[in-house]
PDB file of all heavy atoms in Angstrom:
ATOM      1  N   GLN A   1     153.442  94.356 124.716  1.00  0.00           N
ATOM      2  CA  GLN A   1     152.839  93.193 125.352  1.00  0.00           C
ATOM      3  C   GLN A   1     151.383  93.404 125.728  1.00  0.00           C
ATOM      4  O   GLN A   1     150.570  92.496 125.604  1.00  0.00           O
ATOM      5  CB  GLN A   1     153.610  92.809 126.620  1.00  0.00           C
ATOM      6  CG  GLN A   1     154.807  91.958 126.379  1.00  0.00           C
ATOM      7  CD  GLN A   1     155.476  91.540 127.674  1.00  0.00           C
ATOM      8  OE1 GLN A   1     155.102  91.972 128.761  1.00  0.00           O
ATOM      9  NE2 GLN A   1     156.478  90.697 127.545  1.00  0.00           N
ATOM     10  N   ASP A   2     151.047  94.604 126.183  1.00  0.00           N
ATOM     11  CA  ASP A   2     149.674  94.856 126.618  1.00  0.00           C
ATOM     12  C   ASP A   2     148.674  94.817 125.467  1.00  0.00           C
ATOM     13  O   ASP A   2     147.476  94.682 125.699  1.00  0.00           O
ATOM     14  CB  ASP A   2     149.577  96.182 127.367  1.00  0.00           C
ATOM     15  CG  ASP A   2     150.041  97.375 126.551  1.00  0.00           C
ATOM     16  OD1 ASP A   2     150.798  97.186 125.584  1.00  0.00           O
ATOM     17  OD2 ASP A   2     149.643  98.503 126.879  1.00  0.00           O
ATOM     18  N   ALA A   3     149.127  94.909 124.223  1.00  0.00           N
ATOM     19  CA  ALA A   3     148.231  94.891 123.072  1.00  0.00           C
ATOM     20  C   ALA A   3     148.161  93.518 122.404  1.00  0.00           C
ATOM     21  O   ALA A   3     147.281  93.282 121.576  1.00  0.00           O
ATOM     22  CB  ALA A   3     148.684  95.931 122.045  1.00  0.00           C
ATOM     23  N   LEU A   4     149.051  92.606 122.749  1.00  0.00           N
ATOM     24  CA  LEU A   4     149.081  91.291 122.104  1.00  0.00           C
ATOM     25  C   LEU A   4     147.895  90.452 122.539  1.00  0.00           C
ATOM     26  O   LEU A   4     147.565  90.382 123.723  1.00  0.00           O
ATOM     27  CB  LEU A   4     150.385  90.564 122.444  1.00  0.00           C
ATOM     28  CG  LEU A   4     151.660  91.197 121.921  1.00  0.00           C
ATOM     29  CD1 LEU A   4     152.870  90.430 122.441  1.00  0.00           C
ATOM     30  CD2 LEU A   4     151.667  91.246 120.405  1.00  0.00           C
ATOM     31  N   LYS A   5     147.266  89.788 121.547  1.00  0.00           N
ATOM     32  CA  LYS A   5     146.098  88.967 121.852  1.00  0.00           C
ATOM     33  C   LYS A   5     145.835  88.027 120.678  1.00  0.00           C
ATOM     34  O   LYS A   5     144.852  88.150 119.976  1.00  0.00           O
ATOM     35  CB  LYS A   5     144.891  89.859 122.087  1.00  0.00           C
ATOM     36  CG  LYS A   5     143.694  89.165 122.659  1.00  0.00           C
ATOM     37  CD  LYS A   5     142.561  90.165 122.752  1.00  0.00           C
ATOM     38  CE  LYS A   5     141.628  89.859 123.835  1.00  0.00           C
ATOM     39  NZ  LYS A   5     140.566  90.845 123.932  1.00  0.00           N
ATOM     40  N   GLU A   6     146.792  87.101 120.450  1.00  0.00           N
ATOM     41  CA  GLU A   6     146.615  86.142 119.364  1.00  0.00           C
ATOM     42  C   GLU A   6     147.413  84.885 119.647  1.00  0.00           C
ATOM     43  O   GLU A   6     148.373  84.897 120.407  1.00  0.00           O
ATOM     44  CB  GLU A   6     147.046  86.730 118.021  1.00  0.00           C
ATOM     45  CG  GLU A   6     148.542  86.899 117.882  1.00  0.00           C
ATOM     46  CD  GLU A   6     148.968  87.292 116.469  1.00  0.00           C
ATOM     47  OE1 GLU A   6     148.144  87.270 115.563  1.00  0.00           O
ATOM     48  OE2 GLU A   6     150.144  87.605 116.314  1.00  0.00           O
ATOM     49  N   ILE A   7     146.991  83.819 119.004  1.00  0.00           N
ATOM     50  CA  ILE A   7     147.749  82.580 119.045  1.00  0.00           C
ATOM     51  C   ILE A   7     148.749  82.665 117.903  1.00  0.00           C
ATOM     52  O   ILE A   7     148.349  82.794 116.751  1.00  0.00           O
ATOM     53  CB  ILE A   7     146.825  81.361 118.890  1.00  0.00           C
ATOM     54  CG1 ILE A   7     145.874  81.285 120.081  1.00  0.00           C
ATOM     55  CG2 ILE A   7     147.643  80.090 118.742  1.00  0.00           C
ATOM     56  CD1 ILE A   7     144.790  80.259 119.952  1.00  0.00           C
ATOM     57  N   PRO A   8     150.051  82.639 118.209  1.00  0.00           N
ATOM     58  CA  PRO A   8     151.045  82.764 117.141  1.00  0.00           C
ATOM     59  C   PRO A   8     150.892  81.637 116.113  1.00  0.00           C
ATOM     60  O   PRO A   8     150.940  80.457 116.474  1.00  0.00           O
ATOM     61  CB  PRO A   8     152.382  82.662 117.882  1.00  0.00           C
ATOM     62  CG  PRO A   8     152.078  82.998 119.296  1.00  0.00           C
ATOM     63  CD  PRO A   8     150.678  82.546 119.526  1.00  0.00           C
ATOM     64  N   PRO A   9     150.682  81.971 114.842  1.00  0.00           N
ATOM     65  CA  PRO A   9     150.451  80.939 113.832  1.00  0.00           C
ATOM     66  C   PRO A   9     151.726  80.270 113.315  1.00  0.00           C
ATOM     67  O   PRO A   9     151.671  79.140 112.836  1.00  0.00           O
ATOM     68  CB  PRO A   9     149.756  81.711 112.703  1.00  0.00           C
ATOM     69  CG  PRO A   9     150.270  83.105 112.839  1.00  0.00           C
ATOM     70  CD  PRO A   9     150.503  83.318 114.304  1.00  0.00           C
ATOM     71  N   HIS A  10     152.878  80.950 113.422  1.00  0.00           N
ATOM     72  CA  HIS A  10     154.113  80.416 112.847  1.00  0.00           C
ATOM     73  C   HIS A  10     154.551  79.138 113.561  1.00  0.00           C
ATOM     74  O   HIS A  10     154.732  79.135 114.775  1.00  0.00           O
ATOM     75  CB  HIS A  10     155.219  81.479 112.911  1.00  0.00           C
ATOM     76  CG  HIS A  10     156.516  81.036 112.327  1.00  0.00           C
ATOM     77  ND1 HIS A  10     156.666  80.726 111.004  1.00  0.00           N
ATOM     78  CD2 HIS A  10     157.712  80.807 112.900  1.00  0.00           C
ATOM     79  CE1 HIS A  10     157.905  80.350 110.772  1.00  0.00           C
ATOM     80  NE2 HIS A  10     158.566  80.387 111.919  1.00  0.00           N
ATOM     81  N   LYS A  11     154.660  78.057 112.808  1.00  0.00           N
ATOM     82  CA  LYS A  11     155.077  76.742 113.300  1.00  0.00           C
ATOM     83  C   LYS A  11     154.148  76.184 114.372  1.00  0.00           C
ATOM     84  O   LYS A  11     154.582  75.480 115.280  1.00  0.00           O
ATOM     85  CB  LYS A  11     156.521  76.752 113.768  1.00  0.00           C
ATOM     86  CG  LYS A  11     157.515  76.900 112.640  1.00  0.00           C
ATOM     87  CD  LYS A  11     158.875  76.444 113.086  1.00  0.00           C
ATOM     88  CE  LYS A  11     159.798  76.375 111.882  1.00  0.00           C
ATOM     89  NZ  LYS A  11     161.082  75.795 112.247  1.00  0.00           N
ATOM     90  N   LEU A  12     152.860  76.508 114.273  1.00  0.00           N
ATOM     91  CA  LEU A  12     151.863  75.884 115.140  1.00  0.00           C
ATOM     92  C   LEU A  12     151.638  74.483 114.581  1.00  0.00           C
ATOM     93  O   LEU A  12     150.983  74.297 113.564  1.00  0.00           O
ATOM     94  CB  LEU A  12     150.566  76.692 115.161  1.00  0.00           C
ATOM     95  CG  LEU A  12     149.424  76.109 115.987  1.00  0.00           C
ATOM     96  CD1 LEU A  12     149.813  75.956 117.452  1.00  0.00           C
ATOM     97  CD2 LEU A  12     148.178  76.961 115.853  1.00  0.00           C
ATOM     98  N   LEU A  13     152.223  73.506 115.224  1.00  0.00           N
ATOM     99  CA  LEU A  13     152.185  72.128 114.747  1.00  0.00           C
ATOM    100  C   LEU A  13     150.838  71.479 115.030  1.00  0.00           C
ATOM    101  O   LEU A  13     150.355  70.667 114.244  1.00  0.00           O
ATOM    102  CB  LEU A  13     153.317  71.344 115.418  1.00  0.00           C
ATOM    103  CG  LEU A  13     153.564  69.917 114.989  1.00  0.00           C
ATOM    104  CD1 LEU A  13     153.973  69.871 113.526  1.00  0.00           C
ATOM    105  CD2 LEU A  13     154.649  69.292 115.848  1.00  0.00           C
ATOM    106  N   TYR A  14     150.218  71.853 116.161  1.00  0.00           N
ATOM    107  CA  TYR A  14     148.975  71.199 116.559  1.00  0.00           C
ATOM    108  C   TYR A  14     148.167  72.114 117.464  1.00  0.00           C
ATOM    109  O   TYR A  14     148.712  72.769 118.348  1.00  0.00           O
ATOM    110  CB  TYR A  14     149.311  69.899 117.305  1.00  0.00           C
ATOM    111  CG  TYR A  14     148.114  69.152 117.821  1.00  0.00           C
ATOM    112  CD1 TYR A  14     147.311  68.415 116.963  1.00  0.00           C
ATOM    113  CD2 TYR A  14     147.787  69.171 119.172  1.00  0.00           C
ATOM    114  CE1 TYR A  14     146.218  67.718 117.436  1.00  0.00           C
ATOM    115  CE2 TYR A  14     146.706  68.475 119.656  1.00  0.00           C
ATOM    116  CZ  TYR A  14     145.914  67.743 118.778  1.00  0.00           C
ATOM    117  OH  TYR A  14     144.832  67.059 119.247  1.00  0.00           O
ATOM    118  N   ASP A  15     146.865  72.146 117.231  1.00  0.00           N
ATOM    119  CA  ASP A  15     145.905  72.826 118.099  1.00  0.00           C
ATOM    120  C   ASP A  15     144.720  71.882 118.231  1.00  0.00           C
ATOM    121  O   ASP A  15     144.057  71.588 117.234  1.00  0.00           O
ATOM    122  CB  ASP A  15     145.479  74.168 117.504  1.00  0.00           C
ATOM    123  CG  ASP A  15     144.512  74.945 118.380  1.00  0.00           C
ATOM    124  OD1 ASP A  15     144.005  74.391 119.375  1.00  0.00           O
ATOM    125  OD2 ASP A  15     144.250  76.112 118.055  1.00  0.00           O
ATOM    126  N   SER A  16     144.474  71.383 119.430  1.00  0.00           N
ATOM    127  CA  SER A  16     143.423  70.387 119.613  1.00  0.00           C
ATOM    128  C   SER A  16     142.034  70.925 119.300  1.00  0.00           C
ATOM    129  O   SER A  16     141.124  70.142 119.036  1.00  0.00           O
ATOM    130  CB  SER A  16     143.461  69.809 121.030  1.00  0.00           C
ATOM    131  OG  SER A  16     143.167  70.808 121.978  1.00  0.00           O
ATOM    132  N   ALA A  17     141.845  72.241 119.301  1.00  0.00           N
ATOM    133  CA  ALA A  17     140.553  72.822 118.929  1.00  0.00           C
ATOM    134  C   ALA A  17     140.384  72.650 117.426  1.00  0.00           C
ATOM    135  O   ALA A  17     141.069  73.280 116.631  1.00  0.00           O
ATOM    136  CB  ALA A  17     140.491  74.290 119.308  1.00  0.00           C
ATOM    137  N   GLY A  18     139.519  71.771 117.045  1.00  0.00           N
ATOM    138  CA  GLY A  18     139.251  71.548 115.631  1.00  0.00           C
ATOM    139  C   GLY A  18     140.203  70.575 114.958  1.00  0.00           C
ATOM    140  O   GLY A  18     140.112  70.364 113.753  1.00  0.00           O
ATOM    141  N   ALA A  19     141.103  69.961 115.701  1.00  0.00           N
ATOM    142  CA  ALA A  19     142.032  69.003 115.102  1.00  0.00           C
ATOM    143  C   ALA A  19     141.277  67.753 114.682  1.00  0.00           C
ATOM    144  O   ALA A  19     140.449  67.232 115.420  1.00  0.00           O
ATOM    145  CB  ALA A  19     143.138  68.640 116.081  1.00  0.00           C
ATOM    146  N   THR A  20     141.551  67.275 113.488  1.00  0.00           N
ATOM    147  CA  THR A  20     140.863  66.093 112.984  1.00  0.00           C
ATOM    148  C   THR A  20     141.791  64.892 112.835  1.00  0.00           C
ATOM    149  O   THR A  20     141.337  63.811 112.520  1.00  0.00           O
ATOM    150  CB  THR A  20     140.223  66.395 111.616  1.00  0.00           C
ATOM    151  OG1 THR A  20     141.245  66.841 110.723  1.00  0.00           O
ATOM    152  CG2 THR A  20     139.141  67.452 111.747  1.00  0.00           C
ATOM    153  N   HIS A  21     143.082  65.091 113.041  1.00  0.00           N
ATOM    154  CA  HIS A  21     144.022  63.987 112.903  1.00  0.00           C
ATOM    155  C   HIS A  21     145.151  64.128 113.928  1.00  0.00           C
ATOM    156  O   HIS A  21     145.479  65.225 114.348  1.00  0.00           O
ATOM    157  CB  HIS A  21     144.592  63.942 111.486  1.00  0.00           C
ATOM    158  CG  HIS A  21     145.372  65.170 111.126  1.00  0.00           C
ATOM    159  ND1 HIS A  21     144.767  66.360 110.789  1.00  0.00           N
ATOM    160  CD2 HIS A  21     146.705  65.394 111.080  1.00  0.00           C
ATOM    161  CE1 HIS A  21     145.705  67.268 110.542  1.00  0.00           C
ATOM    162  NE2 HIS A  21     146.876  66.709 110.709  1.00  0.00           N
ATOM    163  N   PRO A  22     145.750  63.001 114.311  1.00  0.00           N
ATOM    164  CA  PRO A  22     146.869  63.076 115.247  1.00  0.00           C
ATOM    165  C   PRO A  22     148.100  63.677 114.567  1.00  0.00           C
ATOM    166  O   PRO A  22     148.202  63.706 113.344  1.00  0.00           O
ATOM    167  CB  PRO A  22     147.112  61.621 115.644  1.00  0.00           C
ATOM    168  CG  PRO A  22     146.490  60.807 114.573  1.00  0.00           C
ATOM    169  CD  PRO A  22     145.403  61.637 113.953  1.00  0.00           C
ATOM    170  N   VAL A  23     149.012  64.152 115.381  1.00  0.00           N
ATOM    171  CA  VAL A  23     150.234  64.761 114.872  1.00  0.00           C
ATOM    172  C   VAL A  23     151.418  63.887 115.298  1.00  0.00           C
ATOM    173  O   VAL A  23     151.379  63.258 116.351  1.00  0.00           O
ATOM    174  CB  VAL A  23     150.391  66.202 115.402  1.00  0.00           C
ATOM    175  CG1 VAL A  23     150.566  66.225 116.900  1.00  0.00           C
ATOM    176  CG2 VAL A  23     151.544  66.913 114.739  1.00  0.00           C
ATOM    177  N   LEU A  24     152.435  63.809 114.457  1.00  0.00           N
ATOM    178  CA  LEU A  24     153.681  63.156 114.833  1.00  0.00           C
ATOM    179  C   LEU A  24     154.643  64.227 115.313  1.00  0.00           C
ATOM    180  O   LEU A  24     154.799  65.263 114.672  1.00  0.00           O
ATOM    181  CB  LEU A  24     154.282  62.403 113.647  1.00  0.00           C
ATOM    182  CG  LEU A  24     153.552  61.148 113.227  1.00  0.00           C
ATOM    183  CD1 LEU A  24     154.187  60.561 111.966  1.00  0.00           C
ATOM    184  CD2 LEU A  24     153.553  60.107 114.330  1.00  0.00           C
ATOM    185  N   PHE A  25     155.291  63.970 116.438  1.00  0.00           N
ATOM    186  CA  PHE A  25     156.139  64.973 117.065  1.00  0.00           C
ATOM    187  C   PHE A  25     157.418  64.315 117.555  1.00  0.00           C
ATOM    188  O   PHE A  25     157.382  63.266 118.178  1.00  0.00           O
ATOM    189  CB  PHE A  25     155.368  65.595 118.238  1.00  0.00           C
ATOM    190  CG  PHE A  25     156.140  66.576 119.069  1.00  0.00           C
ATOM    191  CD1 PHE A  25     156.753  67.682 118.507  1.00  0.00           C
ATOM    192  CD2 PHE A  25     156.246  66.394 120.437  1.00  0.00           C
ATOM    193  CE1 PHE A  25     157.464  68.581 119.282  1.00  0.00           C
ATOM    194  CE2 PHE A  25     156.946  67.296 121.233  1.00  0.00           C
ATOM    195  CZ  PHE A  25     157.561  68.389 120.642  1.00  0.00           C
ATOM    196  N   THR A  26     158.560  64.927 117.247  1.00  0.00           N
ATOM    197  CA  THR A  26     159.842  64.471 117.765  1.00  0.00           C
ATOM    198  C   THR A  26     160.406  65.577 118.628  1.00  0.00           C
ATOM    199  O   THR A  26     160.941  66.562 118.113  1.00  0.00           O
ATOM    200  CB  THR A  26     160.826  64.150 116.616  1.00  0.00           C
ATOM    201  OG1 THR A  26     160.223  63.212 115.733  1.00  0.00           O
ATOM    202  CG2 THR A  26     162.120  63.562 117.171  1.00  0.00           C
ATOM    203  N   PRO A  27     160.267  65.475 119.965  1.00  0.00           N
ATOM    204  CA  PRO A  27     160.785  66.523 120.844  1.00  0.00           C
ATOM    205  C   PRO A  27     162.312  66.622 120.727  1.00  0.00           C
ATOM    206  O   PRO A  27     163.013  65.664 121.000  1.00  0.00           O
ATOM    207  CB  PRO A  27     160.368  66.084 122.242  1.00  0.00           C
ATOM    208  CG  PRO A  27     159.669  64.786 122.103  1.00  0.00           C
ATOM    209  CD  PRO A  27     159.650  64.384 120.688  1.00  0.00           C
ATOM    210  N   ASP A  28     162.797  67.774 120.289  1.00  0.00           N
ATOM    211  CA  ASP A  28     164.226  67.966 120.041  1.00  0.00           C
ATOM    212  C   ASP A  28     164.706  69.211 120.780  1.00  0.00           C
ATOM    213  O   ASP A  28     164.189  70.301 120.569  1.00  0.00           O
ATOM    214  CB  ASP A  28     164.473  68.111 118.539  1.00  0.00           C
ATOM    215  CG  ASP A  28     165.939  68.052 118.167  1.00  0.00           C
ATOM    216  OD1 ASP A  28     166.799  68.105 119.074  1.00  0.00           O
ATOM    217  OD2 ASP A  28     166.231  67.960 116.970  1.00  0.00           O
ATOM    218  N   LEU A  29     165.705  69.027 121.634  1.00  0.00           N
ATOM    219  CA  LEU A  29     166.242  70.134 122.415  1.00  0.00           C
ATOM    220  C   LEU A  29     167.638  70.554 121.968  1.00  0.00           C
ATOM    221  O   LEU A  29     168.239  71.427 122.567  1.00  0.00           O
ATOM    222  CB  LEU A  29     166.287  69.751 123.903  1.00  0.00           C
ATOM    223  CG  LEU A  29     164.923  69.563 124.536  1.00  0.00           C
ATOM    224  CD1 LEU A  29     165.059  68.976 125.925  1.00  0.00           C
ATOM    225  CD2 LEU A  29     164.189  70.884 124.588  1.00  0.00           C
ATOM    226  N   GLY A  30     168.168  69.947 120.933  1.00  0.00           N
ATOM    227  CA  GLY A  30     169.503  70.296 120.463  1.00  0.00           C
ATOM    228  C   GLY A  30     169.491  71.583 119.662  1.00  0.00           C
ATOM    229  O   GLY A  30     169.183  71.567 118.475  1.00  0.00           O
ATOM    230  N   ASP A  31     169.809  72.710 120.270  1.00  0.00           N
ATOM    231  CA  ASP A  31     169.820  74.038 119.639  1.00  0.00           C
ATOM    232  C   ASP A  31     168.477  74.411 119.026  1.00  0.00           C
ATOM    233  O   ASP A  31     168.392  75.304 118.192  1.00  0.00           O
ATOM    234  CB  ASP A  31     170.919  74.137 118.575  1.00  0.00           C
ATOM    235  CG  ASP A  31     172.290  74.119 119.198  1.00  0.00           C
ATOM    236  OD1 ASP A  31     172.422  74.535 120.363  1.00  0.00           O
ATOM    237  OD2 ASP A  31     173.236  73.672 118.529  1.00  0.00           O
ATOM    238  N   GLN A  32     167.441  73.721 119.399  1.00  0.00           N
ATOM    239  CA  GLN A  32     166.101  74.016 118.921  1.00  0.00           C
ATOM    240  C   GLN A  32     165.200  74.123 120.135  1.00  0.00           C
ATOM    241  O   GLN A  32     165.661  74.298 121.238  1.00  0.00           O
ATOM    242  CB  GLN A  32     165.608  72.906 117.993  1.00  0.00           C
ATOM    243  CG  GLN A  32     166.458  72.717 116.752  1.00  0.00           C
ATOM    244  CD  GLN A  32     165.901  71.613 115.893  1.00  0.00           C
ATOM    245  OE1 GLN A  32     164.722  71.576 115.610  1.00  0.00           O
ATOM    246  NE2 GLN A  32     166.773  70.706 115.491  1.00  0.00           N
TER     247      GLN A  32
END
């Protein structure tokens, strides 16, 4: 943990820094 220093890229759906378009999102809590 003390060495970690990154934004995890896997399944990064949206990052407002540099985003040029809106994202569609369906918040799902069923086993996800």
